[in-house]
Protein backbone atom coordinates (compact mmCIF):
# COMPACT_ATOMS: atom_id res chain seq x y z
CA MET A 1 0.04 0.11 -0.30
CA SER A 2 1.08 3.56 -1.19
CA LYS A 3 0.35 7.10 0.60
CA LEU A 4 0.96 8.27 -3.20
CA SER A 5 0.09 7.81 -6.12
CA LYS A 6 1.59 5.70 -8.70
CA GLN A 7 2.95 8.33 -10.86
CA LYS A 8 4.32 10.03 -7.59
CA CYS A 9 6.23 6.77 -6.53
CA LEU A 10 7.59 6.89 -9.78
CA GLU A 11 8.32 10.42 -10.00
CA VAL A 12 10.21 10.05 -6.52
CA LYS A 13 11.55 6.99 -7.79
CA ASP A 14 13.18 9.13 -10.77
CA ALA A 15 14.62 11.80 -9.12
CA LEU A 16 16.64 10.11 -6.36
CA LEU A 17 17.77 8.25 -9.06
CA ALA A 18 19.01 10.90 -10.49
CA ALA A 19 20.17 12.32 -7.04
CA TYR A 20 22.33 9.49 -6.42
CA PRO A 21 22.98 7.95 -10.04
CA GLU A 22 26.62 5.73 -9.11
CA GLU A 23 25.74 5.06 -5.77
CA GLY A 24 26.15 1.27 -4.29
CA CYS A 25 27.07 -0.55 -1.41
CA ALA A 26 29.71 1.30 0.76
CA LEU A 27 30.59 -2.02 2.31
CA HIS A 28 34.77 -2.87 1.48
CA TYR A 29 35.13 -7.25 0.41
CA GLY A 30 37.03 -8.37 -1.88
CA ASN A 31 35.19 -11.69 -3.06
CA MET A 32 31.94 -12.86 -2.48
CA PHE A 33 32.75 -14.45 0.51
CA GLN A 34 33.85 -11.16 2.01
CA LEU A 35 30.34 -9.76 0.67
CA VAL A 36 28.31 -12.14 2.69
CA VAL A 37 30.60 -11.64 5.98
CA SER A 38 30.45 -8.05 5.72
CA VAL A 39 26.67 -8.26 4.98
CA VAL A 40 26.18 -10.67 8.52
CA LEU A 41 28.30 -8.11 10.55
CA SER A 42 26.40 -5.03 9.41
CA ALA A 43 23.28 -5.41 11.00
CA GLN A 44 22.36 -2.78 13.66
CA THR A 45 25.94 -1.43 12.98
CA THR A 46 26.95 1.21 10.70
CA ASP A 47 28.95 0.38 7.50
CA VAL A 48 31.59 3.02 7.98
CA SER A 49 32.11 0.63 11.19
CA VAL A 50 32.32 -2.52 9.48
CA ASN A 51 34.81 -1.36 7.06
CA ARG A 52 36.89 -0.42 9.84
CA VAL A 53 37.64 -3.89 11.48
CA THR A 54 36.96 -6.00 8.46
CA PRO A 55 40.18 -5.65 6.80
CA ALA A 56 42.40 -7.17 9.36
CA LEU A 57 39.87 -9.99 10.01
CA PHE A 58 40.08 -10.23 5.91
CA GLU A 59 43.75 -10.71 5.85
CA ILE A 60 43.75 -13.96 8.00
CA ALA A 61 40.99 -15.31 6.60
CA PRO A 62 39.97 -14.20 3.08
CA ASP A 63 38.32 -17.37 2.26
CA ALA A 64 35.63 -19.66 4.01
CA GLN A 65 37.85 -22.22 5.01
CA SER A 66 39.99 -19.99 6.48
CA MET A 67 37.69 -18.31 8.10
CA ALA A 68 36.14 -22.02 9.39
CA ASN A 69 39.93 -22.85 10.74
CA LEU A 70 39.71 -19.50 13.43
CA ASP A 71 38.05 -20.40 16.82
CA PRO A 72 35.50 -17.77 17.02
CA ALA A 73 37.24 -15.87 19.86
CA GLU A 74 40.04 -15.01 16.88
CA ILE A 75 36.90 -13.54 15.15
CA ALA A 76 35.49 -11.69 18.00
CA GLU A 77 38.60 -10.30 18.81
CA LYS A 78 39.13 -8.58 15.07
CA ILE A 79 35.48 -7.35 15.54
CA HIS A 80 35.59 -6.83 18.78
CA SER A 81 34.71 -2.54 18.27
CA ILE A 82 31.35 -3.30 16.46
CA GLY A 83 27.82 -4.24 18.00
CA MET A 84 26.37 -7.79 19.16
CA TYR A 85 30.53 -8.92 18.50
CA LYS A 86 30.19 -12.14 20.49
CA THR A 87 26.78 -12.96 18.76
CA LYS A 88 28.32 -11.93 15.22
CA SER A 89 31.95 -13.43 15.72
CA ALA A 90 29.45 -17.28 16.38
CA ASN A 91 27.68 -16.74 13.21
CA VAL A 92 30.63 -16.55 11.01
CA SER A 93 32.23 -19.14 12.34
CA LYS A 94 29.18 -21.27 11.70
CA LEU A 95 28.93 -19.43 8.68
CA ALA A 96 31.85 -20.48 6.95
CA LYS A 97 31.72 -23.73 8.06
CA ALA A 98 28.43 -23.79 6.89
CA LEU A 99 30.17 -23.51 3.35
CA VAL A 100 32.87 -25.29 3.11
CA GLU A 101 30.69 -27.98 4.10
CA LYS A 102 27.77 -27.61 2.08
CA TYR A 103 28.91 -25.56 -1.18
CA GLY A 104 32.71 -25.90 -1.22
CA GLY A 105 33.64 -22.52 0.40
CA GLU A 106 31.31 -21.19 -2.38
CA VAL A 107 29.17 -18.66 -1.41
CA PRO A 108 25.65 -19.85 -3.40
CA GLY A 109 23.87 -17.14 -5.05
CA ASP A 110 19.54 -18.66 -4.49
CA TYR A 111 17.87 -17.24 -1.80
CA ASP A 112 16.23 -19.76 -0.78
CA LYS A 113 20.54 -21.72 0.43
CA LEU A 114 20.98 -18.19 1.51
CA VAL A 115 18.45 -17.84 4.12
CA GLU A 116 19.44 -21.27 5.56
CA LEU A 117 23.02 -20.07 6.34
CA PRO A 118 23.89 -18.70 9.88
CA GLY A 119 23.36 -15.13 10.59
CA VAL A 120 21.74 -15.00 7.10
CA GLY A 121 18.45 -13.54 7.29
CA ARG A 122 15.88 -11.78 4.26
CA LYS A 123 17.82 -8.36 4.14
CA THR A 124 21.76 -9.82 4.27
CA ALA A 125 20.15 -12.50 1.20
CA ASN A 126 19.13 -10.01 -0.84
CA VAL A 127 22.19 -7.52 -0.88
CA VAL A 128 24.74 -10.65 -1.23
CA LEU A 129 21.98 -11.73 -4.64
CA ALA A 130 21.67 -7.70 -5.21
CA GLU A 131 25.34 -7.07 -5.19
CA GLY A 132 27.05 -10.48 -5.49
CA PHE A 133 24.62 -12.27 -8.41
CA GLY A 134 23.89 -9.33 -10.15
CA GLN A 135 20.05 -9.98 -9.36
CA GLN A 136 16.90 -7.37 -9.08
CA ARG A 137 16.49 -7.04 -5.37
CA ILE A 138 14.85 -4.93 -2.49
CA ALA A 139 16.86 -5.18 0.70
CA VAL A 140 15.06 -3.19 3.63
CA ASP A 141 17.52 -1.74 6.40
CA THR A 142 16.51 0.74 8.99
CA HIS A 143 17.00 3.33 6.63
CA VAL A 144 15.11 1.99 3.69
CA PHE A 145 12.28 1.09 5.75
CA ARG A 146 12.58 4.78 7.34
CA LEU A 147 12.36 6.52 4.47
CA ALA A 148 10.25 4.23 2.06
CA ASN A 149 7.30 4.97 4.82
CA ARG A 150 7.61 9.05 5.32
CA ILE A 151 8.10 10.04 2.04
CA GLY A 152 5.14 7.75 1.00
CA LEU A 153 6.33 5.02 -1.42
CA VAL A 154 4.89 2.37 0.99
CA ASP A 155 2.64 2.60 3.87
CA GLU A 156 3.61 -0.73 6.25
CA PRO A 157 4.05 -1.82 9.99
CA ASP A 158 7.71 -3.98 8.79
CA ALA A 159 10.12 -5.03 7.16
CA LEU A 160 8.99 -7.46 4.79
CA LYS A 161 5.28 -5.98 3.77
CA THR A 162 7.87 -2.89 3.10
CA GLU A 163 9.84 -4.68 0.78
CA LEU A 164 6.85 -6.25 -1.14
CA ALA A 165 5.12 -3.11 -1.13
CA LEU A 166 7.84 -1.32 -2.66
CA MET A 167 8.24 -4.63 -5.21
CA LYS A 168 4.79 -2.97 -6.67
CA VAL A 169 5.67 0.44 -7.15
CA ILE A 170 9.14 0.55 -8.09
CA PRO A 171 9.45 -1.07 -11.42
CA GLU A 172 11.95 -4.30 -10.98
CA GLU A 173 14.33 -2.81 -13.03
CA ASN A 174 15.18 -0.49 -11.03
CA TRP A 175 14.71 -1.91 -8.05
CA THR A 176 18.65 -2.47 -6.31
CA ARG A 177 19.44 1.15 -7.43
CA THR A 178 16.44 2.13 -6.17
CA HIS A 179 16.90 0.35 -2.65
CA HIS A 180 20.77 2.57 -2.89
CA ALA A 181 19.63 5.61 -3.31
CA LEU A 182 16.92 5.44 -0.58
CA ILE A 183 19.97 4.24 1.40
CA TRP A 184 22.10 7.22 0.82
CA HIS A 185 19.09 9.81 0.80
CA GLY A 186 18.50 8.71 4.38
CA ARG A 187 22.25 9.33 4.79
CA ARG A 188 22.41 12.98 3.66
CA VAL A 189 19.61 14.20 3.84
CA CYS A 190 16.54 12.60 5.13
CA SER A 191 17.60 11.77 8.38
CA ALA A 192 15.87 10.29 11.20
CA ARG A 193 15.66 13.11 13.49
CA ASN A 194 16.67 15.73 11.61
CA PRO A 195 15.75 15.83 7.77
CA GLN A 196 17.04 18.18 5.79
CA CYS A 197 13.76 18.99 4.01
CA GLU A 198 14.55 22.46 2.88
CA GLY A 199 16.58 21.63 -0.70
CA CYS A 200 15.47 17.66 -0.42
CA CYS A 201 15.08 16.53 -4.23
CA ILE A 202 11.83 14.99 -3.67
CA GLU A 203 10.47 18.19 -0.79
CA HIS A 204 7.58 18.55 -3.50
CA LEU A 205 6.54 14.70 -4.20
CA CYS A 206 6.69 13.75 -0.25
CA LYS A 207 4.06 12.07 1.68
CA LYS A 208 3.20 15.54 4.19
CA ASN A 209 2.60 18.08 1.08
CA ASN A 210 0.92 15.23 -1.59
CA VAL A 211 -1.82 13.02 1.36
CA ASN A 212 -4.15 11.36 -1.05
CA GLN A 213 -2.71 12.44 -3.79
């Protein structure tokens, strides 16, 4: 469900894509395994914080096999500055071992297989499929959920319903780019506590000015 008309949703999409034409995933990684680990680590933590800790971790464990060989305590030592590091280190260890045992250390490009992996939920799977495999996906993180509902692209109570609703109002060929544009707009302009509405590229289209339009 959307608060804005279909046409206005498309105009919001076009404006955001024009404002953020080249912006993509902010996480730093060198291969598919490092991508999925970085996304797992980014839960409830900023990408900037993840990018600070992963170089040292990937230096000693650049692939699934080398990560699986590490004790979870060694992983925790490398990522201790990010939130929930104990839980995340355990999940990364289990994730690496599962990839080695089930897929020869390779990251599968299948949604159902991804979400069965330790620490991998719907959002993480969608990011991996979009970034690593070039599939059109909308991964709903806190930025996407907040902005999509604040702007009026959707009017939904949770991440899953937001994702499904966005898939209806945004053309499939634009899912991944729109996902990124919403994230970057949330970081740079439409912050949670102090949105910079003046000068915003979609201020004239926002729900607050277009209720039931």
